[in-house]
Amino acid sequence: MGNIKKYQADGKEVGTIELADDILNTPYHPFLIKNLLTAYLAGQRQGTHKTKGRSEVAGSTRKLYKQKGTGNARAGSIRSPLRRHGGTLFGPVPRDYDKKVNKKERKLALKSALAQLVREDKIAVVSDFSLSTHKTKDYAKALSAWNARSFLLVHDDPDENCIRVIVKPLLNEKLNQLRVESNKVIFKVHPDANKFEIKSAVQKFFAVKVLDVNTINVKGKPKRRGIYVGKTADWKKAVVTLEKDSKIEYFEGV
């Protein structure tokens, strides 16, 4: 078992916390960490870049002038990429930049990074980090006790994440029938929320006991506005199964 130093909010050391050997003994895998970081950064890209080709730009399709006898080069369309205001050759089009990282690789990369931070003494546990106000001045004063140039603060309290995870409850006649028959409720959730976060948020926010959570990725529907054709945004919904005696008051009044 390895130990991590435990501190108070003012930077005073108060003890240690044991770390499991399967994490502490994990060797450093820079290639896996690099792949995970690359996949994360790629997933942040919207991929909405777009240029118009010769078939999309405005302009007539008539031939500019006759094929022979003018002394000019042959020209068929004013929308040619060779001409001003013509289409773009091989320009960017909307695409998805997501990269797949296997679950085992993701877990191993995280364990490897944590083990390396422990070996370099760059990770610590704070027993109680709370502020009486939301002012930046008070926050900066509390952090000044650590004398660190930069750091990442990870909080284990899910309260502040409940609103981020749960977007809104979904309710209609069909879903209400599902609630009555199976005690299942449906929520629209954040696209990046996982089942563990959804379960914790529902239990914390509504004070109920959750048995199971299933998530469904819903594709956006085609939508036309004038001459422009697109689609609504993709979204995620969660089917939450509650214990037999657990009820959410919001759904009960329907």
C-alpha atoms as a PDB file:
ATOM      1  CA  MET A   1       0.000   0.000   0.000  1.00  0.00           C
ATOM      2  CA  GLY A   2       1.241   3.498  -0.869  1.00  0.00           C
ATOM      3  CA  ASN A   3       0.345   6.678   0.975  1.00  0.00           C
ATOM      4  CA  ILE A   4      -0.861  10.088  -0.197  1.00  0.00           C
ATOM      5  CA  LYS A   5      -0.442  13.084   2.053  1.00  0.00           C
ATOM      6  CA  LYS A   6      -3.608  14.610   3.482  1.00  0.00           C
ATOM      7  CA  TYR A   7      -3.838  18.348   4.170  1.00  0.00           C
ATOM      8  CA  GLN A   8      -6.230  20.870   5.606  1.00  0.00           C
ATOM      9  CA  ALA A   9      -7.520  23.728   3.480  1.00  0.00           C
ATOM     10  CA  ASP A  10      -4.800  26.032   4.905  1.00  0.00           C
ATOM     11  CA  GLY A  11      -2.015  23.720   3.659  1.00  0.00           C
ATOM     12  CA  LYS A  12      -1.230  22.047   7.006  1.00  0.00           C
ATOM     13  CA  GLU A  13      -0.507  18.307   6.790  1.00  0.00           C
ATOM     14  CA  VAL A  14      -2.850  16.223   8.965  1.00  0.00           C
ATOM     15  CA  GLY A  15      -2.121  12.618   7.913  1.00  0.00           C
ATOM     16  CA  THR A  16      -1.992  10.203   5.003  1.00  0.00           C
ATOM     17  CA  ILE A  17      -4.393   8.112   2.918  1.00  0.00           C
ATOM     18  CA  GLU A  18      -3.555   4.616   1.664  1.00  0.00           C
ATOM     19  CA  LEU A  19      -3.587   3.944  -2.066  1.00  0.00           C
ATOM     20  CA  ALA A  20      -4.260   0.477  -3.505  1.00  0.00           C
ATOM     21  CA  ASP A  21      -1.249  -1.432  -4.822  1.00  0.00           C
ATOM     22  CA  ASP A  22      -2.876  -2.124  -8.203  1.00  0.00           C
ATOM     23  CA  ILE A  23      -2.823   1.641  -8.831  1.00  0.00           C
ATOM     24  CA  LEU A  24       0.491   2.482  -7.189  1.00  0.00           C
ATOM     25  CA  ASN A  25       2.407  -0.301  -8.984  1.00  0.00           C
ATOM     26  CA  THR A  26       1.106   0.636 -12.443  1.00  0.00           C
ATOM     27  CA  PRO A  27       4.056   1.529 -14.713  1.00  0.00           C
ATOM     28  CA  TYR A  28       4.091   4.800 -16.623  1.00  0.00           C
ATOM     29  CA  HIS A  29       2.532   4.511 -20.120  1.00  0.00           C
ATOM     30  CA  PRO A  30       3.136   7.830 -21.919  1.00  0.00           C
ATOM     31  CA  PHE A  31       1.819   6.464 -25.218  1.00  0.00           C
ATOM     32  CA  LEU A  32      -1.582   5.568 -23.698  1.00  0.00           C
ATOM     33  CA  ILE A  33      -1.817   8.943 -21.956  1.00  0.00           C
ATOM     34  CA  LYS A  34      -0.953  10.681 -25.215  1.00  0.00           C
ATOM     35  CA  ASN A  35      -3.667   8.721 -27.071  1.00  0.00           C
ATOM     36  CA  LEU A  36      -6.257   9.554 -24.415  1.00  0.00           C
ATOM     37  CA  LEU A  37      -5.333  13.248 -24.442  1.00  0.00           C
ATOM     38  CA  THR A  38      -5.424  13.356 -28.250  1.00  0.00           C
ATOM     39  CA  ALA A  39      -8.862  11.709 -28.280  1.00  0.00           C
ATOM     40  CA  TYR A  40     -10.149  14.158 -25.655  1.00  0.00           C
ATOM     41  CA  LEU A  41      -8.905  17.222 -27.538  1.00  0.00           C
ATOM     42  CA  ALA A  42     -10.232  15.871 -30.839  1.00  0.00           C
ATOM     43  CA  GLY A  43     -13.629  15.342 -29.237  1.00  0.00           C
ATOM     44  CA  GLN A  44     -13.775  19.041 -28.320  1.00  0.00           C
ATOM     45  CA  ARG A  45     -13.705  20.059 -31.985  1.00  0.00           C
ATOM     46  CA  GLN A  46     -17.105  20.914 -33.430  1.00  0.00           C
ATOM     47  CA  GLY A  47     -16.179  19.937 -36.971  1.00  0.00           C
ATOM     48  CA  THR A  48     -18.599  22.481 -38.451  1.00  0.00           C
ATOM     49  CA  HIS A  49     -16.117  23.953 -40.972  1.00  0.00           C
ATOM     50  CA  LYS A  50     -17.508  24.187 -44.494  1.00  0.00           C
ATOM     51  CA  THR A  51     -16.607  25.733 -47.845  1.00  0.00           C
ATOM     52  CA  LYS A  52     -18.745  25.745 -50.985  1.00  0.00           C
ATOM     53  CA  GLY A  53     -17.794  23.776 -54.056  1.00  0.00           C
ATOM     54  CA  ARG A  54     -18.548  24.759 -57.641  1.00  0.00           C
ATOM     55  CA  SER A  55     -21.977  23.119 -57.450  1.00  0.00           C
ATOM     56  CA  GLU A  56     -22.937  25.198 -54.382  1.00  0.00           C
ATOM     57  CA  VAL A  57     -21.787  28.753 -55.124  1.00  0.00           C
ATOM     58  CA  ALA A  58     -24.115  31.240 -56.782  1.00  0.00           C
ATOM     59  CA  GLY A  59     -23.743  31.728 -60.526  1.00  0.00           C
ATOM     60  CA  SER A  60     -25.161  30.853 -63.904  1.00  0.00           C
ATOM     61  CA  THR A  61     -24.570  27.517 -65.623  1.00  0.00           C
ATOM     62  CA  ARG A  62     -24.409  28.994 -69.126  1.00  0.00           C
ATOM     63  CA  LYS A  63     -21.202  28.758 -71.110  1.00  0.00           C
ATOM     64  CA  LEU A  64     -19.329  32.055 -70.880  1.00  0.00           C
ATOM     65  CA  TYR A  65     -18.406  32.265 -74.538  1.00  0.00           C
ATOM     66  CA  LYS A  66     -18.070  29.985 -77.517  1.00  0.00           C
ATOM     67  CA  GLN A  67     -15.492  27.207 -77.475  1.00  0.00           C
ATOM     68  CA  LYS A  68     -13.363  28.367 -80.425  1.00  0.00           C
ATOM     69  CA  GLY A  69     -12.439  31.529 -82.237  1.00  0.00           C
ATOM     70  CA  THR A  70     -12.019  33.958 -79.333  1.00  0.00           C
ATOM     71  CA  GLY A  71      -8.341  33.365 -78.542  1.00  0.00           C
ATOM     72  CA  ASN A  72      -9.191  32.801 -74.884  1.00  0.00           C
ATOM     73  CA  ALA A  73      -8.762  29.608 -72.941  1.00  0.00           C
ATOM     74  CA  ARG A  74     -11.726  27.262 -72.944  1.00  0.00           C
ATOM     75  CA  ALA A  75     -14.266  28.145 -70.221  1.00  0.00           C
ATOM     76  CA  GLY A  76     -17.462  26.332 -69.359  1.00  0.00           C
ATOM     77  CA  SER A  77     -18.779  27.859 -66.125  1.00  0.00           C
ATOM     78  CA  ILE A  78     -18.430  31.062 -64.158  1.00  0.00           C
ATOM     79  CA  ARG A  79     -18.487  28.929 -61.004  1.00  0.00           C
ATOM     80  CA  SER A  80     -15.190  27.259 -61.855  1.00  0.00           C
ATOM     81  CA  PRO A  81     -12.636  27.210 -58.997  1.00  0.00           C
ATOM     82  CA  LEU A  82     -10.226  29.001 -61.341  1.00  0.00           C
ATOM     83  CA  ARG A  83     -12.396  32.135 -61.357  1.00  0.00           C
ATOM     84  CA  ARG A  84     -13.092  34.810 -58.778  1.00  0.00           C
ATOM     85  CA  HIS A  85     -16.090  33.914 -56.592  1.00  0.00           C
ATOM     86  CA  GLY A  86     -15.904  30.373 -57.909  1.00  0.00           C
ATOM     87  CA  GLY A  87     -16.108  27.223 -55.799  1.00  0.00           C
ATOM     88  CA  THR A  88     -13.346  25.947 -53.544  1.00  0.00           C
ATOM     89  CA  LEU A  89     -11.283  22.933 -54.506  1.00  0.00           C
ATOM     90  CA  PHE A  90     -11.044  20.193 -51.868  1.00  0.00           C
ATOM     91  CA  GLY A  91     -12.224  22.524 -49.105  1.00  0.00           C
ATOM     92  CA  PRO A  92     -13.153  21.359 -45.598  1.00  0.00           C
ATOM     93  CA  VAL A  93     -16.561  19.786 -45.039  1.00  0.00           C
ATOM     94  CA  PRO A  94     -18.381  19.017 -41.753  1.00  0.00           C
ATOM     95  CA  ARG A  95     -16.927  15.912 -40.122  1.00  0.00           C
ATOM     96  CA  ASP A  96     -16.666  14.124 -36.814  1.00  0.00           C
ATOM     97  CA  TYR A  97     -13.204  14.230 -35.201  1.00  0.00           C
ATOM     98  CA  ASP A  98     -13.992  11.739 -32.416  1.00  0.00           C
ATOM     99  CA  LYS A  99     -11.359   9.077 -31.817  1.00  0.00           C
ATOM    100  CA  LYS A 100     -12.178   5.774 -30.139  1.00  0.00           C
ATOM    101  CA  VAL A 101     -10.273   4.774 -27.019  1.00  0.00           C
ATOM    102  CA  ASN A 102     -10.976   1.345 -25.555  1.00  0.00           C
ATOM    103  CA  LYS A 103     -12.269   1.158 -21.983  1.00  0.00           C
ATOM    104  CA  LYS A 104      -9.288  -0.863 -20.776  1.00  0.00           C
ATOM    105  CA  GLU A 105      -6.859   1.604 -22.359  1.00  0.00           C
ATOM    106  CA  ARG A 106      -8.703   4.538 -20.767  1.00  0.00           C
ATOM    107  CA  LYS A 107      -8.609   2.949 -17.304  1.00  0.00           C
ATOM    108  CA  LEU A 108      -4.943   1.953 -17.650  1.00  0.00           C
ATOM    109  CA  ALA A 109      -3.984   5.465 -18.790  1.00  0.00           C
ATOM    110  CA  LEU A 110      -5.751   7.008 -15.787  1.00  0.00           C
ATOM    111  CA  LYS A 111      -4.125   4.585 -13.337  1.00  0.00           C
ATOM    112  CA  SER A 112      -0.749   5.181 -14.965  1.00  0.00           C
ATOM    113  CA  ALA A 113      -1.099   8.967 -14.661  1.00  0.00           C
ATOM    114  CA  LEU A 114      -2.207   8.758 -11.006  1.00  0.00           C
ATOM    115  CA  ALA A 115       0.667   6.417 -10.115  1.00  0.00           C
ATOM    116  CA  GLN A 116       3.182   8.733 -11.776  1.00  0.00           C
ATOM    117  CA  LEU A 117       1.800  11.747  -9.885  1.00  0.00           C
ATOM    118  CA  VAL A 118       2.155   9.833  -6.613  1.00  0.00           C
ATOM    119  CA  ARG A 119       5.747   8.867  -7.440  1.00  0.00           C
ATOM    120  CA  GLU A 120       6.572  12.504  -8.224  1.00  0.00           C
ATOM    121  CA  ASP A 121       4.731  13.718  -5.096  1.00  0.00           C
ATOM    122  CA  LYS A 122       2.433  15.909  -7.190  1.00  0.00           C
ATOM    123  CA  ILE A 123      -0.921  14.763  -5.798  1.00  0.00           C
ATOM    124  CA  ALA A 124      -2.500  15.493  -2.422  1.00  0.00           C
ATOM    125  CA  VAL A 125      -5.835  15.117  -0.618  1.00  0.00           C
ATOM    126  CA  VAL A 126      -7.536  18.038   1.110  1.00  0.00           C
ATOM    127  CA  SER A 127      -9.807  17.083   4.009  1.00  0.00           C
ATOM    128  CA  ASP A 128     -12.226  20.004   3.733  1.00  0.00           C
ATOM    129  CA  PHE A 129     -12.092  22.678   1.047  1.00  0.00           C
ATOM    130  CA  SER A 130     -15.047  25.037   1.355  1.00  0.00           C
ATOM    131  CA  LEU A 131     -15.612  28.776   0.956  1.00  0.00           C
ATOM    132  CA  SER A 132     -18.091  31.019   2.725  1.00  0.00           C
ATOM    133  CA  THR A 133     -18.458  33.293  -0.323  1.00  0.00           C
ATOM    134  CA  HIS A 134     -18.208  32.963  -4.076  1.00  0.00           C
ATOM    135  CA  LYS A 135     -15.786  35.872  -4.547  1.00  0.00           C
ATOM    136  CA  THR A 136     -12.636  35.325  -6.592  1.00  0.00           C
ATOM    137  CA  LYS A 137     -10.556  37.189  -3.982  1.00  0.00           C
ATOM    138  CA  ASP A 138     -11.482  34.692  -1.260  1.00  0.00           C
ATOM    139  CA  TYR A 139     -10.899  31.757  -3.614  1.00  0.00           C
ATOM    140  CA  ALA A 140      -7.435  33.034  -4.580  1.00  0.00           C
ATOM    141  CA  LYS A 141      -6.579  33.586  -0.918  1.00  0.00           C
ATOM    142  CA  ALA A 142      -7.499  29.995  -0.052  1.00  0.00           C
ATOM    143  CA  LEU A 143      -5.357  28.661  -2.914  1.00  0.00           C
ATOM    144  CA  SER A 144      -2.360  30.834  -2.047  1.00  0.00           C
ATOM    145  CA  ALA A 145      -1.499  28.499   0.862  1.00  0.00           C
ATOM    146  CA  TRP A 146      -0.332  25.850  -1.606  1.00  0.00           C
ATOM    147  CA  ASN A 147       2.324  27.977  -3.348  1.00  0.00           C
ATOM    148  CA  ALA A 148       1.737  26.129  -6.612  1.00  0.00           C
ATOM    149  CA  ARG A 149       2.090  27.696 -10.030  1.00  0.00           C
ATOM    150  CA  SER A 150      -0.790  25.656 -11.438  1.00  0.00           C
ATOM    151  CA  PHE A 151      -2.894  22.725 -10.283  1.00  0.00           C
ATOM    152  CA  LEU A 152      -6.160  20.890 -10.828  1.00  0.00           C
ATOM    153  CA  LEU A 153      -8.730  20.873  -8.031  1.00  0.00           C
ATOM    154  CA  VAL A 154     -11.087  17.843  -8.083  1.00  0.00           C
ATOM    155  CA  HIS A 155     -14.124  17.975  -5.780  1.00  0.00           C
ATOM    156  CA  ASP A 156     -16.070  14.879  -4.749  1.00  0.00           C
ATOM    157  CA  ASP A 157     -19.362  16.635  -3.922  1.00  0.00           C
ATOM    158  CA  PRO A 158     -21.853  16.031  -6.771  1.00  0.00           C
ATOM    159  CA  ASP A 159     -24.219  18.848  -5.737  1.00  0.00           C
ATOM    160  CA  GLU A 160     -22.790  21.346  -8.177  1.00  0.00           C
ATOM    161  CA  ASN A 161     -22.980  18.785 -10.996  1.00  0.00           C
ATOM    162  CA  CYS A 162     -26.665  17.853 -10.596  1.00  0.00           C
ATOM    163  CA  ILE A 163     -27.908  20.735 -12.713  1.00  0.00           C
ATOM    164  CA  ARG A 164     -25.201  20.108 -15.334  1.00  0.00           C
ATOM    165  CA  VAL A 165     -26.004  16.386 -15.633  1.00  0.00           C
ATOM    166  CA  ILE A 166     -29.823  16.585 -15.614  1.00  0.00           C
ATOM    167  CA  VAL A 167     -31.048  18.942 -18.329  1.00  0.00           C
ATOM    168  CA  LYS A 168     -34.798  18.393 -17.834  1.00  0.00           C
ATOM    169  CA  PRO A 169     -37.341  15.640 -17.119  1.00  0.00           C
ATOM    170  CA  LEU A 170     -39.307  14.257 -20.064  1.00  0.00           C
ATOM    171  CA  LEU A 171     -43.007  13.542 -19.737  1.00  0.00           C
ATOM    172  CA  ASN A 172     -45.818  12.608 -22.094  1.00  0.00           C
ATOM    173  CA  GLU A 173     -48.666  10.099 -22.140  1.00  0.00           C
ATOM    174  CA  LYS A 174     -46.480   7.184 -23.245  1.00  0.00           C
ATOM    175  CA  LEU A 175     -43.708   7.929 -20.740  1.00  0.00           C
ATOM    176  CA  ASN A 176     -46.246   8.394 -17.963  1.00  0.00           C
ATOM    177  CA  GLN A 177     -47.633   4.930 -18.687  1.00  0.00           C
ATOM    178  CA  LEU A 178     -44.090   3.548 -18.473  1.00  0.00           C
ATOM    179  CA  ARG A 179     -43.678   5.230 -15.076  1.00  0.00           C
ATOM    180  CA  VAL A 180     -46.902   3.732 -13.754  1.00  0.00           C
ATOM    181  CA  GLU A 181     -46.179   0.196 -14.993  1.00  0.00           C
ATOM    182  CA  SER A 182     -42.403  -0.086 -14.358  1.00  0.00           C
ATOM    183  CA  ASN A 183     -41.561   2.847 -12.053  1.00  0.00           C
ATOM    184  CA  LYS A 184     -39.192   4.247 -14.694  1.00  0.00           C
ATOM    185  CA  VAL A 185     -38.682   7.966 -15.324  1.00  0.00           C
ATOM    186  CA  ILE A 186     -37.014   9.622 -18.295  1.00  0.00           C
ATOM    187  CA  PHE A 187     -34.616  12.577 -18.266  1.00  0.00           C
ATOM    188  CA  LYS A 188     -32.829  14.562 -20.919  1.00  0.00           C
ATOM    189  CA  VAL A 189     -29.208  14.565 -19.752  1.00  0.00           C
ATOM    190  CA  HIS A 190     -25.899  16.142 -20.709  1.00  0.00           C
ATOM    191  CA  PRO A 191     -24.361  14.409 -23.776  1.00  0.00           C
ATOM    192  CA  ASP A 192     -21.126  13.658 -21.874  1.00  0.00           C
ATOM    193  CA  ALA A 193     -22.791  12.358 -18.691  1.00  0.00           C
ATOM    194  CA  ASN A 194     -22.195   8.696 -17.878  1.00  0.00           C
ATOM    195  CA  LYS A 195     -24.489   6.297 -15.996  1.00  0.00           C
ATOM    196  CA  PHE A 196     -22.688   6.762 -12.672  1.00  0.00           C
ATOM    197  CA  GLU A 197     -23.020  10.559 -12.826  1.00  0.00           C
ATOM    198  CA  ILE A 198     -26.701  10.319 -13.800  1.00  0.00           C
ATOM    199  CA  LYS A 199     -27.453   7.898 -10.961  1.00  0.00           C
ATOM    200  CA  SER A 200     -25.647  10.067  -8.394  1.00  0.00           C
ATOM    201  CA  ALA A 201     -27.351  13.244  -9.621  1.00  0.00           C
ATOM    202  CA  VAL A 202     -30.879  11.749  -9.542  1.00  0.00           C
ATOM    203  CA  GLN A 203     -30.388  10.276  -6.057  1.00  0.00           C
ATOM    204  CA  LYS A 204     -28.890  13.497  -4.718  1.00  0.00           C
ATOM    205  CA  PHE A 205     -31.301  15.902  -6.402  1.00  0.00           C
ATOM    206  CA  PHE A 206     -34.583  14.020  -5.835  1.00  0.00           C
ATOM    207  CA  ALA A 207     -33.673  12.023  -2.684  1.00  0.00           C
ATOM    208  CA  VAL A 208     -34.699   8.677  -4.193  1.00  0.00           C
ATOM    209  CA  LYS A 209     -33.104   5.239  -4.575  1.00  0.00           C
ATOM    210  CA  VAL A 210     -32.070   4.330  -8.142  1.00  0.00           C
ATOM    211  CA  LEU A 211     -31.811   0.684  -9.195  1.00  0.00           C
ATOM    212  CA  ASP A 212     -30.618   1.027 -12.790  1.00  0.00           C
ATOM    213  CA  VAL A 213     -29.818   3.605 -15.472  1.00  0.00           C
ATOM    214  CA  ASN A 214     -29.930   3.102 -19.249  1.00  0.00           C
ATOM    215  CA  THR A 215     -28.858   5.812 -21.693  1.00  0.00           C
ATOM    216  CA  ILE A 216     -29.947   6.351 -25.302  1.00  0.00           C
ATOM    217  CA  ASN A 217     -28.243   8.650 -27.821  1.00  0.00           C
ATOM    218  CA  VAL A 218     -30.923  10.333 -29.940  1.00  0.00           C
ATOM    219  CA  LYS A 219     -30.028  11.587 -33.390  1.00  0.00           C
ATOM    220  CA  GLY A 220     -31.220  15.053 -34.419  1.00  0.00           C
ATOM    221  CA  LYS A 221     -34.115  15.372 -36.859  1.00  0.00           C
ATOM    222  CA  PRO A 222     -33.774  16.947 -40.335  1.00  0.00           C
ATOM    223  CA  LYS A 223     -34.881  20.563 -40.377  1.00  0.00           C
ATOM    224  CA  ARG A 224     -35.328  23.028 -43.226  1.00  0.00           C
ATOM    225  CA  ARG A 225     -35.309  26.804 -42.932  1.00  0.00           C
ATOM    226  CA  GLY A 226     -35.886  28.467 -46.276  1.00  0.00           C
ATOM    227  CA  ILE A 227     -33.284  27.213 -48.748  1.00  0.00           C
ATOM    228  CA  TYR A 228     -31.053  25.912 -45.960  1.00  0.00           C
ATOM    229  CA  VAL A 229     -31.339  22.279 -44.897  1.00  0.00           C
ATOM    230  CA  GLY A 230     -29.848  21.019 -41.653  1.00  0.00           C
ATOM    231  CA  LYS A 231     -30.831  19.069 -38.572  1.00  0.00           C
ATOM    232  CA  THR A 232     -31.489  19.610 -34.886  1.00  0.00           C
ATOM    233  CA  ALA A 233     -28.751  18.810 -32.385  1.00  0.00           C
ATOM    234  CA  ASP A 234     -28.147  15.256 -31.187  1.00  0.00           C
ATOM    235  CA  TRP A 235     -29.036  14.648 -27.548  1.00  0.00           C
ATOM    236  CA  LYS A 236     -29.039  11.954 -24.871  1.00  0.00           C
ATOM    237  CA  LYS A 237     -31.840  10.637 -22.681  1.00  0.00           C
ATOM    238  CA  ALA A 238     -31.647   8.440 -19.607  1.00  0.00           C
ATOM    239  CA  VAL A 239     -34.166   5.810 -18.497  1.00  0.00           C
ATOM    240  CA  VAL A 240     -33.921   5.687 -14.700  1.00  0.00           C
ATOM    241  CA  THR A 241     -35.439   2.744 -12.804  1.00  0.00           C
ATOM    242  CA  LEU A 242     -36.461   3.625  -9.253  1.00  0.00           C
ATOM    243  CA  GLU A 243     -37.013   1.366  -6.280  1.00  0.00           C
ATOM    244  CA  LYS A 244     -40.566   0.187  -5.700  1.00  0.00           C
ATOM    245  CA  ASP A 245     -41.340   2.696  -2.957  1.00  0.00           C
ATOM    246  CA  SER A 246     -39.329   5.601  -4.431  1.00  0.00           C
ATOM    247  CA  LYS A 247     -41.322   8.368  -6.082  1.00  0.00           C
ATOM    248  CA  ILE A 248     -40.443  11.714  -7.661  1.00  0.00           C
ATOM    249  CA  GLU A 249     -43.025  14.317  -6.823  1.00  0.00           C
ATOM    250  CA  TYR A 250     -42.658  16.130 -10.158  1.00  0.00           C
ATOM    251  CA  PHE A 251     -44.027  13.103 -12.044  1.00  0.00           C
ATOM    252  CA  GLU A 252     -46.715  12.153  -9.523  1.00  0.00           C
ATOM    253  CA  GLY A 253     -49.021  15.091 -10.204  1.00  0.00           C
ATOM    254  CA  VAL A 254     -49.617  14.118 -13.829  1.00  0.00           C
END
